[in-house]
Amino acid sequence: MRKHNDLDRRDFMKMTGAATIFLSARRWVSTAFAQGRGGVTNPDKPNIVYILADDMGYGDLACQNPQTKIPTPNLDRLAARGIRFTDAHSPSAVCTPTRYGILTGRYCWRSRLKRGVLSPWGRTLIEEGRLTVPTMLKTHGYHTACIQGSYGHGIDFSKPVASGPTTRGFDYYFGTSVPNYPPYCFMENDRTVGIPDRPKPESMFGHKGPMVEGWKLERILPELARKAVAYIDNAGKGEPPTPFFLYFPLTAPHTPIEPAARFRGKSKAGPYGDFVHQVDWTVGQIMDAVKRNGFEENILIVFTSDNGSPARDGLCGSTGPVGSVLKFGHDPNRPWRGRKGDAWDGGHREPFVARWPGRIAPGTISDEPICQVDLMATCAAILGAKLPENAGEDSYNILPALEGRKMSKPIREAIVHHSADGLFAVRQGKWKLILGLGSGSGFSKPRRVEPKPGGPRGQLYDLHADPGESKNLWLEQQDVVERLTALLEKYRKEGRSAPRL
């Protein structure tokens, strides 16, 4: 661990019924906090804000990539005031399984979803009765909210939606499905905001499906930011003070790449860069709301991303070919090999920045290997709570790393990686084993490669000597291959990788 000195880096109200719904939301949130769900003064129960970008790469942040073409002043400021991890990973190289892992502390490949992501109208993935981070925090007096998230059901829009976020631990929910998935509308708690009663125009990016009148892609992220800020603004108005947990997964810079007008042309990496810049602005709005409401001294803010970037430029119908943003001289996943979906590090090594005044030293950089599934065990440790045997099976407590404590060994025994098409990899110390050849995704080629007679059947890299994963040591280090293969099989067979407490 080392000190960091110089950092190298909606006006949606016009929609039918939106103004009325928004005022109702403000009353609901205010009432909830007035009933004992306001700001926090207990240092043992900090407010927690977890911001999750969608398809943003490690090299998008200026403080991590001197060659970036995108200004990220707010994220750079967050890093300068807290800690930045250089070896942080999402549990999957694509979105749905990463979100499952964050909220449950369990690798998603243990669920029914073995590869890929949920399809439009897919049923809820988190099993009924499974402990989630918000459910755990609620038992300790927290008010919990999710601004965005994803949902999907074949639903009657005039009735409450079953099995949504409010059935998995969240007191309050506002958001939309993935921006390119129907229904094209917002949802508040268990009801849609307006009735999606018309088909999405063919000219609009996304799958076919119903849409509310006036839906505009570029208004999604600003409205989500406004809701998140409103939630924080209302959090300090109730008595007695009670802590809050805000889970804020963004829709950007995932396709459709539609930055709001005020951000267009603000980067040197085309629409994609402008959208990343808007993500940075959104983080700044959260930081300003935290400060304005007096929460700065007792709040843990985390920013990370769900997987690597596919590096689309956004110039062709809100998307663009994979890798097309590189023509601007900007590599969103620099310096790692690969991109979204891959078993290589570019698919899952993520920006991870955290700030907690008094607990996290400003301007710190850590090379401790961590994983986003660690949120559950870390929150439990903060509260002095013990997780039940059947919860957080893959979650480790990274509080010592956040606080910069000296440790004699790594916190995690190993990290299991998972590609878009289900290719497994395991990382332990300097060694990374991939159980197959190719990238394991459709975002980088070759996707899968058949082994040649006498050649390697998988990939083994020494990340200390070869962080770019260019020299396959499978044949030269068969003892390491066998040891890591056995460790992964142990994790799969036992149903957990974290130690029993």
Protein backbone atom coordinates (compact mmCIF):
# COMPACT_ATOMS: atom_id res chain seq x y z
CA MET A 1 0.00 0.00 0.00
CA ARG A 2 1.33 3.41 -0.90
CA LYS A 3 0.38 7.04 -0.67
CA HIS A 4 -0.95 8.67 -3.81
CA ASN A 5 0.36 12.13 -4.61
CA ASP A 6 -0.41 13.50 -8.09
CA LEU A 7 -3.43 11.82 -9.72
CA ASP A 8 -2.59 11.04 -13.37
CA ARG A 9 -6.61 11.09 -13.55
CA ARG A 10 -33.60 15.05 -16.89
CA ASP A 11 -35.87 17.15 -17.57
CA PHE A 12 -38.09 14.00 -17.52
CA MET A 13 -40.91 15.92 -15.90
CA LYS A 14 -42.60 16.51 -19.26
CA MET A 15 -43.50 12.85 -19.56
CA THR A 16 -47.14 12.04 -18.93
CA GLY A 17 -47.84 11.89 -15.21
CA ALA A 18 -44.18 12.19 -14.22
CA ALA A 19 -44.53 15.41 -12.20
CA THR A 20 -47.31 13.96 -10.07
CA ILE A 21 -45.41 10.73 -9.48
CA PHE A 22 -42.21 12.58 -8.55
CA LEU A 23 -43.99 14.72 -5.94
CA SER A 24 -45.56 11.57 -4.55
CA ALA A 25 -42.12 9.95 -4.36
CA ARG A 26 -40.72 12.90 -2.39
CA ARG A 27 -43.60 12.63 0.09
CA TRP A 28 -43.07 8.86 0.43
CA VAL A 29 -39.35 9.16 1.08
CA SER A 30 -39.81 12.11 3.47
CA THR A 31 -42.43 10.18 5.41
CA ALA A 32 -40.21 7.12 5.62
CA PHE A 33 -37.32 9.10 7.07
CA ALA A 34 -39.61 11.04 9.40
CA GLN A 35 -40.60 7.70 10.87
CA GLY A 36 -37.07 7.15 12.10
CA ARG A 37 -35.08 6.71 8.91
CA GLY A 38 -33.00 9.89 8.70
CA GLY A 39 -29.32 10.78 8.85
CA VAL A 40 -26.85 8.96 11.04
CA THR A 41 -24.71 10.10 13.95
CA ASN A 42 -23.58 6.65 15.12
CA PRO A 43 -20.02 6.13 13.80
CA ASP A 44 -20.46 2.36 14.09
CA LYS A 45 -23.25 2.52 11.49
CA PRO A 46 -22.04 4.70 8.64
CA ASN A 47 -24.27 5.64 5.75
CA ILE A 48 -23.26 3.61 2.71
CA VAL A 49 -23.50 4.63 -0.95
CA TYR A 50 -22.49 2.05 -3.57
CA ILE A 51 -22.27 3.44 -7.13
CA LEU A 52 -21.94 0.91 -9.93
CA ALA A 53 -21.17 2.06 -13.47
CA ASP A 54 -22.25 -0.16 -16.38
CA ASP A 55 -19.59 -1.20 -18.93
CA MET A 56 -16.94 1.26 -17.73
CA GLY A 57 -13.32 0.23 -17.98
CA TYR A 58 -10.35 0.52 -15.66
CA GLY A 59 -8.60 2.91 -18.06
CA ASP A 60 -11.51 5.36 -18.32
CA LEU A 61 -10.46 7.12 -15.11
CA ALA A 62 -7.86 9.83 -15.55
CA CYS A 63 -6.27 8.94 -12.20
CA GLN A 64 -5.56 5.45 -13.57
CA ASN A 65 -4.73 6.19 -17.18
CA PRO A 66 -2.43 9.10 -18.10
CA GLN A 67 -3.42 8.56 -21.75
CA THR A 68 -7.17 8.87 -21.21
CA LYS A 69 -9.11 11.19 -23.49
CA ILE A 70 -11.88 11.69 -20.93
CA PRO A 71 -11.99 14.20 -18.06
CA THR A 72 -13.05 12.54 -14.79
CA PRO A 73 -12.48 15.28 -12.17
CA ASN A 74 -15.02 14.02 -9.64
CA LEU A 75 -13.75 10.45 -9.62
CA ASP A 76 -10.19 11.75 -9.42
CA ARG A 77 -11.25 13.86 -6.43
CA LEU A 78 -12.91 10.85 -4.79
CA ALA A 79 -9.72 8.86 -5.25
CA ALA A 80 -7.57 11.66 -3.88
CA ARG A 81 -9.71 11.78 -0.73
CA GLY A 82 -9.85 8.04 -0.25
CA ILE A 83 -8.42 4.78 -1.54
CA ARG A 84 -8.03 3.38 -5.04
CA PHE A 85 -7.60 -0.37 -5.61
CA THR A 86 -5.55 -1.47 -8.61
CA ASP A 87 -6.45 -5.17 -8.37
CA ALA A 88 -10.24 -5.09 -7.87
CA HIS A 89 -12.49 -7.45 -9.82
CA SER A 90 -16.12 -7.95 -10.72
CA PRO A 91 -17.29 -11.54 -10.10
CA SER A 92 -18.31 -11.83 -13.75
CA ALA A 93 -17.32 -10.18 -17.00
CA VAL A 94 -20.96 -9.29 -17.80
CA CYS A 95 -23.69 -7.39 -15.97
CA THR A 96 -26.46 -9.62 -14.50
CA PRO A 97 -24.19 -12.06 -12.69
CA THR A 98 -22.07 -9.24 -11.28
CA ARG A 99 -25.14 -7.55 -9.76
CA TYR A 100 -26.27 -10.87 -8.30
CA GLY A 101 -22.85 -11.32 -6.71
CA ILE A 102 -22.71 -7.82 -5.24
CA LEU A 103 -26.10 -8.12 -3.56
CA THR A 104 -25.73 -11.71 -2.33
CA GLY A 105 -22.01 -12.17 -1.69
CA ARG A 106 -22.25 -15.33 -3.80
CA TYR A 107 -20.84 -16.11 -7.23
CA CYS A 108 -23.67 -16.13 -9.77
CA TRP A 109 -22.47 -19.32 -11.46
CA ARG A 110 -23.84 -21.08 -8.36
CA SER A 111 -27.35 -19.87 -9.35
CA ARG A 112 -29.47 -21.01 -12.29
CA LEU A 113 -27.67 -18.51 -14.58
CA LYS A 114 -24.57 -20.35 -15.80
CA ARG A 115 -23.59 -18.01 -18.63
CA GLY A 116 -24.64 -14.76 -20.27
CA VAL A 117 -27.23 -12.37 -18.80
CA LEU A 118 -30.96 -12.35 -18.16
CA SER A 119 -33.06 -11.82 -21.28
CA PRO A 120 -35.84 -9.22 -21.54
CA TRP A 121 -38.78 -10.15 -19.28
CA GLY A 122 -36.58 -12.66 -17.44
CA ARG A 123 -37.76 -13.72 -13.98
CA THR A 124 -36.01 -12.53 -10.83
CA LEU A 125 -32.62 -14.18 -10.38
CA ILE A 126 -32.06 -13.69 -6.64
CA GLU A 127 -33.68 -16.65 -4.96
CA GLU A 128 -36.61 -15.96 -2.61
CA GLY A 129 -35.40 -16.14 0.98
CA ARG A 130 -31.71 -15.57 0.16
CA LEU A 131 -30.06 -12.99 2.39
CA THR A 132 -29.05 -9.87 0.50
CA VAL A 133 -26.93 -6.91 1.52
CA PRO A 134 -29.97 -4.61 1.93
CA THR A 135 -31.89 -7.25 3.91
CA MET A 136 -28.95 -7.66 6.26
CA LEU A 137 -28.56 -3.91 6.71
CA LYS A 138 -32.30 -3.51 7.41
CA THR A 139 -31.97 -5.87 10.37
CA HIS A 140 -29.43 -3.40 11.76
CA GLY A 141 -31.71 -0.39 11.43
CA TYR A 142 -30.79 0.85 7.96
CA HIS A 143 -33.22 2.33 5.47
CA THR A 144 -32.35 0.84 2.08
CA ALA A 145 -32.88 2.19 -1.42
CA CYS A 146 -32.04 1.18 -4.96
CA ILE A 147 -32.06 3.88 -7.63
CA GLN A 148 -32.00 2.05 -10.99
CA GLY A 149 -31.47 -1.68 -10.77
CA SER A 150 -33.08 -4.05 -13.23
CA TYR A 151 -36.33 -5.90 -13.29
CA GLY A 152 -38.06 -8.13 -15.82
CA HIS A 153 -41.39 -9.89 -15.85
CA GLY A 154 -44.31 -10.52 -18.13
CA ILE A 155 -46.49 -8.00 -16.32
CA ASP A 156 -49.88 -6.30 -16.25
CA PHE A 157 -48.77 -2.66 -16.03
CA SER A 158 -51.92 -1.64 -14.16
CA LYS A 159 -51.03 -3.90 -11.23
CA PRO A 160 -48.11 -4.17 -8.78
CA VAL A 161 -45.08 -6.07 -10.06
CA ALA A 162 -44.18 -9.14 -8.03
CA SER A 163 -40.64 -10.19 -7.09
CA GLY A 164 -39.03 -6.82 -7.69
CA PRO A 165 -36.33 -5.03 -5.67
CA THR A 166 -38.69 -4.25 -2.78
CA THR A 167 -39.08 -8.00 -2.22
CA ARG A 168 -35.32 -8.49 -1.99
CA GLY A 169 -34.47 -6.07 0.81
CA PHE A 170 -35.00 -2.56 -0.54
CA ASP A 171 -37.41 -0.20 1.25
CA TYR A 172 -37.52 2.06 -1.80
CA TYR A 173 -36.86 1.51 -5.49
CA PHE A 174 -36.83 3.75 -8.52
CA GLY A 175 -35.37 2.81 -11.85
CA THR A 176 -35.70 1.22 -15.22
CA SER A 177 -34.69 -2.01 -16.84
CA VAL A 178 -31.54 -2.14 -18.93
CA PRO A 179 -32.01 0.87 -21.28
CA ASN A 180 -32.20 -1.38 -24.34
CA TYR A 181 -34.74 -3.76 -22.73
CA PRO A 182 -38.51 -3.26 -22.54
CA PRO A 183 -40.65 -2.00 -20.95
CA TYR A 184 -39.42 1.50 -21.77
CA CYS A 185 -40.53 3.35 -18.66
CA PHE A 186 -39.52 4.01 -15.09
CA MET A 187 -40.72 1.96 -12.17
CA GLU A 188 -41.22 3.15 -8.61
CA ASN A 189 -41.35 0.51 -5.90
CA ASP A 190 -43.62 -2.14 -7.46
CA ARG A 191 -45.47 -0.06 -10.11
CA THR A 192 -44.57 1.48 -13.45
CA VAL A 193 -44.47 5.26 -13.74
CA GLY A 194 -47.15 5.67 -16.37
CA ILE A 195 -48.49 2.87 -18.57
CA PRO A 196 -46.30 1.64 -21.44
CA ASP A 197 -49.11 1.60 -24.01
CA ARG A 198 -47.32 2.07 -27.32
CA PRO A 199 -44.55 0.21 -29.17
CA LYS A 200 -41.01 1.50 -29.12
CA PRO A 201 -40.21 3.18 -32.46
CA GLU A 202 -38.03 1.15 -34.78
CA SER A 203 -35.64 4.09 -34.94
CA MET A 204 -34.96 3.95 -31.20
CA PHE A 205 -32.15 1.70 -29.99
CA GLY A 206 -33.23 -1.46 -28.16
CA HIS A 207 -35.35 -4.60 -28.30
CA LYS A 208 -38.97 -4.39 -29.41
CA GLY A 209 -41.45 -3.75 -26.62
CA PRO A 210 -43.93 -1.36 -25.01
CA MET A 211 -43.01 2.24 -24.15
CA VAL A 212 -44.55 5.17 -22.29
CA GLU A 213 -45.30 8.32 -24.25
CA GLY A 214 -42.35 10.70 -24.50
CA TRP A 215 -39.60 8.26 -23.52
CA LYS A 216 -36.17 9.67 -24.38
CA LEU A 217 -32.97 7.68 -23.92
CA GLU A 218 -30.81 10.68 -23.09
CA ARG A 219 -33.07 11.60 -20.16
CA ILE A 220 -32.59 8.32 -18.27
CA LEU A 221 -29.29 8.96 -16.49
CA PRO A 222 -30.10 12.57 -15.46
CA GLU A 223 -33.41 11.41 -13.95
CA LEU A 224 -31.71 8.63 -12.03
CA ALA A 225 -29.15 11.12 -10.72
CA ARG A 226 -31.96 13.49 -9.68
CA LYS A 227 -33.73 10.70 -7.79
CA ALA A 228 -30.57 9.62 -6.01
CA VAL A 229 -29.83 13.19 -4.96
CA ALA A 230 -33.44 13.63 -3.78
CA TYR A 231 -33.10 10.49 -1.67
CA ILE A 232 -29.98 11.82 0.05
CA ASP A 233 -31.56 15.27 0.49
CA ASN A 234 -34.49 13.67 2.33
CA ALA A 235 -32.33 11.34 4.38
CA GLY A 236 -31.34 13.98 6.93
CA LYS A 237 -34.82 15.30 7.68
CA GLY A 238 -36.12 12.62 10.03
CA GLU A 239 -35.73 12.03 13.75
CA PRO A 240 -34.34 9.98 15.32
CA PRO A 241 -31.41 9.65 12.91
CA THR A 242 -31.07 6.27 11.23
CA PRO A 243 -28.42 5.18 8.69
CA PHE A 244 -29.17 4.60 5.03
CA PHE A 245 -27.84 2.34 2.30
CA LEU A 246 -28.13 3.65 -1.27
CA TYR A 247 -27.34 1.16 -4.01
CA PHE A 248 -26.98 3.19 -7.21
CA PRO A 249 -26.23 1.08 -10.32
CA LEU A 250 -26.06 3.36 -13.36
CA THR A 251 -27.15 2.74 -16.94
CA ALA A 252 -23.98 4.24 -18.40
CA PRO A 253 -21.76 4.09 -20.33
CA HIS A 254 -23.60 0.94 -21.51
CA THR A 255 -25.37 1.15 -24.86
CA PRO A 256 -27.45 3.04 -25.87
CA ILE A 257 -24.60 5.56 -25.73
CA GLU A 258 -26.72 8.70 -25.43
CA PRO A 259 -25.04 11.46 -23.44
CA ALA A 260 -27.24 14.41 -22.53
CA ALA A 261 -26.75 17.52 -24.66
CA ARG A 262 -24.68 19.37 -22.05
CA PHE A 263 -22.01 16.65 -22.12
CA ARG A 264 -21.62 16.23 -25.87
CA GLY A 265 -18.19 17.17 -27.10
CA LYS A 266 -16.73 17.39 -23.59
CA SER A 267 -14.25 14.55 -24.17
CA LYS A 268 -11.85 13.61 -26.93
CA ALA A 269 -13.22 10.08 -27.21
CA GLY A 270 -16.49 10.65 -29.08
CA PRO A 271 -19.95 9.95 -27.63
CA TYR A 272 -18.56 7.13 -25.49
CA GLY A 273 -16.12 9.48 -23.82
CA ASP A 274 -18.84 12.09 -23.34
CA PHE A 275 -21.03 9.45 -21.66
CA VAL A 276 -18.21 8.47 -19.30
CA HIS A 277 -17.78 12.17 -18.51
CA GLN A 278 -21.50 12.26 -17.65
CA VAL A 279 -20.98 9.31 -15.30
CA ASP A 280 -18.29 11.35 -13.59
CA TRP A 281 -20.69 14.31 -13.30
CA THR A 282 -23.28 11.98 -11.75
CA VAL A 283 -20.78 10.90 -9.11
CA GLY A 284 -20.10 14.57 -8.44
CA GLN A 285 -23.82 15.17 -7.86
CA ILE A 286 -23.84 12.44 -5.23
CA MET A 287 -20.73 13.82 -3.54
CA ASP A 288 -22.24 17.33 -3.47
CA ALA A 289 -25.50 16.02 -1.96
CA VAL A 290 -23.58 14.13 0.70
CA LYS A 291 -21.66 17.27 1.66
CA ARG A 292 -24.72 19.56 1.51
CA ASN A 293 -26.62 17.32 3.92
CA GLY A 294 -23.82 17.01 6.46
CA PHE A 295 -23.05 13.33 5.83
CA GLU A 296 -19.44 13.73 4.72
CA GLU A 297 -17.81 12.71 7.97
CA ASN A 298 -19.62 9.40 8.46
CA ILE A 299 -20.28 7.84 5.09
CA LEU A 300 -18.66 5.11 3.04
CA ILE A 301 -18.86 5.89 -0.69
CA VAL A 302 -17.76 3.24 -3.17
CA PHE A 303 -17.50 3.63 -6.93
CA THR A 304 -16.84 0.70 -9.24
CA SER A 305 -18.08 -0.89 -12.49
CA ASP A 306 -19.85 -4.15 -13.30
CA ASN A 307 -17.42 -5.33 -15.99
CA GLY A 308 -14.96 -4.05 -18.55
CA SER A 309 -15.89 -1.87 -21.51
CA PRO A 310 -16.65 -3.28 -24.98
CA ALA A 311 -15.06 -0.04 -26.21
CA ARG A 312 -17.86 0.99 -28.58
CA ASP A 313 -17.63 4.59 -29.80
CA GLY A 314 -21.39 5.35 -29.84
CA LEU A 315 -21.22 6.91 -33.30
CA CYS A 316 -23.48 4.44 -35.10
CA GLY A 317 -27.06 4.32 -33.80
CA SER A 318 -26.12 4.78 -30.11
CA THR A 319 -23.64 1.94 -30.31
CA GLY A 320 -20.76 1.14 -32.68
CA PRO A 321 -18.53 -1.86 -33.34
CA VAL A 322 -16.65 -3.45 -30.47
CA GLY A 323 -13.29 -1.71 -30.11
CA SER A 324 -14.27 1.27 -32.26
CA VAL A 325 -13.47 3.89 -29.59
CA LEU A 326 -9.79 2.96 -29.84
CA LYS A 327 -9.52 5.09 -33.00
CA PHE A 328 -9.63 8.14 -30.73
CA GLY A 329 -6.44 6.96 -29.03
CA HIS A 330 -8.40 5.93 -25.95
CA ASP A 331 -8.44 2.38 -24.55
CA PRO A 332 -11.11 2.06 -21.83
CA ASN A 333 -9.53 -1.11 -20.42
CA ARG A 334 -5.90 0.02 -20.48
CA PRO A 335 -3.51 -1.48 -19.52
CA TRP A 336 -5.20 -4.89 -19.36
CA ARG A 337 -5.74 -7.43 -22.10
CA GLY A 338 -9.31 -7.98 -23.30
CA ARG A 339 -12.65 -6.26 -22.79
CA LYS A 340 -16.20 -6.87 -21.57
CA GLY A 341 -17.13 -10.55 -21.41
CA ASP A 342 -13.55 -11.85 -21.41
CA ALA A 343 -11.79 -14.11 -18.96
CA TRP A 344 -8.74 -11.91 -19.49
CA ASP A 345 -8.40 -9.09 -16.96
CA GLY A 346 -9.84 -6.42 -19.25
CA GLY A 347 -13.19 -8.15 -18.81
CA HIS A 348 -13.32 -7.96 -15.02
CA ARG A 349 -10.52 -5.84 -13.50
CA GLU A 350 -12.44 -2.73 -12.50
CA PRO A 351 -11.99 0.75 -11.12
CA PHE A 352 -12.69 0.62 -7.38
CA VAL A 353 -12.54 3.85 -5.38
CA ALA A 354 -13.75 4.28 -1.80
CA ARG A 355 -13.89 7.18 0.67
CA TRP A 356 -14.67 7.05 4.39
CA PRO A 357 -13.24 9.98 6.37
CA GLY A 358 -11.49 8.93 9.54
CA ARG A 359 -11.33 5.28 8.47
CA ILE A 360 -9.70 5.48 5.03
CA ALA A 361 -6.53 7.53 4.66
CA PRO A 362 -6.72 10.09 1.80
CA GLY A 363 -4.68 9.51 -1.35
CA THR A 364 -4.04 5.81 -0.77
CA ILE A 365 -3.48 3.18 -3.45
CA SER A 366 -3.80 -0.52 -2.64
CA ASP A 367 -2.73 -3.51 -4.71
CA GLU A 368 -4.71 -5.93 -2.49
CA PRO A 369 -6.71 -8.34 -4.72
CA ILE A 370 -10.42 -7.88 -3.93
CA CYS A 371 -13.77 -8.79 -5.51
CA GLN A 372 -17.14 -7.03 -5.54
CA VAL A 373 -18.81 -9.99 -3.83
CA ASP A 374 -16.90 -8.82 -0.74
CA LEU A 375 -19.47 -6.08 0.01
CA MET A 376 -21.64 -8.34 2.16
CA ALA A 377 -18.93 -9.64 4.48
CA THR A 378 -17.41 -6.15 4.73
CA CYS A 379 -20.74 -4.58 5.75
CA ALA A 380 -21.21 -7.35 8.30
CA ALA A 381 -17.76 -6.63 9.72
CA ILE A 382 -18.50 -2.91 9.95
CA LEU A 383 -21.60 -3.74 12.02
CA GLY A 384 -19.93 -6.45 14.07
CA ALA A 385 -22.41 -8.97 12.68
CA LYS A 386 -21.96 -12.63 11.84
CA LEU A 387 -23.26 -13.95 8.54
CA PRO A 388 -25.37 -17.12 8.62
CA GLU A 389 -23.87 -20.28 7.16
CA ASN A 390 -26.03 -20.09 4.01
CA ALA A 391 -25.22 -16.48 3.08
CA GLY A 392 -22.28 -14.65 1.55
CA GLU A 393 -20.60 -17.89 0.60
CA ASP A 394 -17.95 -16.17 -1.52
CA SER A 395 -17.66 -12.87 0.37
CA TYR A 396 -14.54 -11.81 2.26
CA ASN A 397 -14.19 -8.96 4.73
CA ILE A 398 -11.95 -6.33 3.06
CA LEU A 399 -12.30 -3.77 5.86
CA PRO A 400 -8.62 -4.22 6.84
CA ALA A 401 -7.57 -3.28 3.29
CA LEU A 402 -9.92 -0.28 3.22
CA GLU A 403 -8.43 0.96 6.47
CA GLY A 404 -4.85 0.36 5.31
CA ARG A 405 -3.93 -2.12 8.02
CA LYS A 406 -0.72 -4.09 7.61
CA MET A 407 -1.44 -7.74 6.84
CA SER A 408 0.87 -10.74 6.80
CA LYS A 409 -1.01 -12.42 3.94
CA PRO A 410 -3.66 -11.57 1.32
CA ILE A 411 -7.25 -11.30 2.57
CA ARG A 412 -8.57 -13.58 -0.14
CA GLU A 413 -7.31 -17.08 -0.72
CA ALA A 414 -8.27 -16.69 -4.39
CA ILE A 415 -10.74 -15.04 -6.77
CA VAL A 416 -12.87 -16.96 -9.27
CA HIS A 417 -13.48 -15.20 -12.60
CA HIS A 418 -16.26 -16.07 -15.05
CA SER A 419 -16.57 -15.02 -18.69
CA ALA A 420 -19.69 -14.22 -20.72
CA ASP A 421 -19.97 -17.76 -22.08
CA GLY A 422 -19.12 -19.49 -18.80
CA LEU A 423 -15.36 -19.95 -19.07
CA PHE A 424 -13.86 -20.27 -15.59
CA ALA A 425 -10.64 -18.70 -14.36
CA VAL A 426 -9.07 -18.59 -10.92
CA ARG A 427 -6.53 -16.13 -9.55
CA GLN A 428 -4.26 -16.84 -6.60
CA GLY A 429 -1.34 -14.56 -5.84
CA LYS A 430 0.62 -13.94 -9.02
CA TRP A 431 -0.92 -16.89 -10.84
CA LYS A 432 -4.02 -16.79 -13.04
CA LEU A 433 -5.43 -19.98 -14.56
CA ILE A 434 -8.04 -19.94 -17.36
CA LEU A 435 -9.66 -23.33 -17.99
CA GLY A 436 -9.75 -23.09 -21.76
CA LEU A 437 -8.25 -21.28 -24.71
CA GLY A 438 -9.53 -18.02 -26.17
CA SER A 439 -11.34 -15.12 -24.52
CA GLY A 440 -14.50 -16.85 -23.37
CA SER A 441 -16.72 -14.14 -24.87
CA GLY A 442 -18.08 -12.70 -28.08
CA PHE A 443 -16.44 -9.33 -27.41
CA SER A 444 -12.88 -10.41 -28.19
CA LYS A 445 -11.70 -12.95 -30.71
CA PRO A 446 -10.97 -15.78 -30.67
CA ARG A 447 -13.89 -16.70 -28.41
CA ARG A 448 -12.97 -20.34 -27.90
CA VAL A 449 -10.02 -22.24 -29.33
CA GLU A 450 -9.69 -25.99 -29.66
CA PRO A 451 -6.41 -27.27 -28.14
CA LYS A 452 -3.83 -28.67 -30.51
CA PRO A 453 -2.28 -32.11 -29.93
CA GLY A 454 0.52 -31.72 -27.43
CA GLY A 455 -0.33 -28.06 -26.89
CA PRO A 456 -1.81 -26.27 -23.87
CA ARG A 457 -5.45 -27.01 -23.00
CA GLY A 458 -5.83 -23.76 -21.08
CA GLN A 459 -4.00 -20.61 -20.10
CA LEU A 460 -1.71 -19.86 -17.17
CA TYR A 461 -0.17 -16.45 -16.60
CA ASP A 462 2.25 -14.99 -14.10
CA LEU A 463 0.60 -11.60 -13.60
CA HIS A 464 3.56 -10.17 -11.70
CA ALA A 465 5.96 -10.77 -14.57
CA ASP A 466 3.37 -10.61 -17.36
CA PRO A 467 0.39 -8.39 -16.40
CA GLY A 468 -0.64 -8.23 -20.05
CA GLU A 469 -1.33 -11.99 -20.13
CA SER A 470 0.82 -12.54 -23.21
CA LYS A 471 2.94 -15.58 -22.28
CA ASN A 472 1.00 -18.79 -21.63
CA LEU A 473 2.88 -20.93 -19.09
CA TRP A 474 0.43 -23.86 -19.06
CA LEU A 475 2.97 -26.41 -20.29
CA GLU A 476 5.88 -25.10 -18.23
CA GLN A 477 4.04 -24.90 -14.88
CA GLN A 478 1.89 -28.02 -14.71
CA ASP A 479 2.14 -28.18 -10.91
CA VAL A 480 0.51 -24.74 -10.66
CA VAL A 481 -2.14 -25.78 -13.20
CA GLU A 482 -3.01 -28.85 -11.13
CA ARG A 483 -3.05 -26.95 -7.83
CA LEU A 484 -5.34 -24.16 -9.08
CA THR A 485 -7.60 -26.60 -10.93
CA ALA A 486 -8.05 -28.54 -7.69
CA LEU A 487 -8.76 -25.33 -5.76
CA LEU A 488 -11.49 -24.29 -8.20
CA GLU A 489 -13.03 -27.76 -8.06
CA LYS A 490 -13.01 -27.54 -4.25
CA TYR A 491 -14.85 -24.21 -4.36
CA ARG A 492 -17.44 -25.62 -6.75
CA LYS A 493 -17.95 -28.84 -4.80
CA GLU A 494 -18.19 -27.23 -1.34
CA GLY A 495 -20.59 -24.48 -2.43
CA ARG A 496 -18.45 -21.70 -1.02
CA SER A 497 -14.99 -20.16 -1.23
CA ALA A 498 -15.04 -17.89 1.82
CA PRO A 499 -14.02 -19.48 5.14
CA ARG A 500 -16.73 -20.44 7.58
CA LEU A 501 -16.76 -18.04 10.52
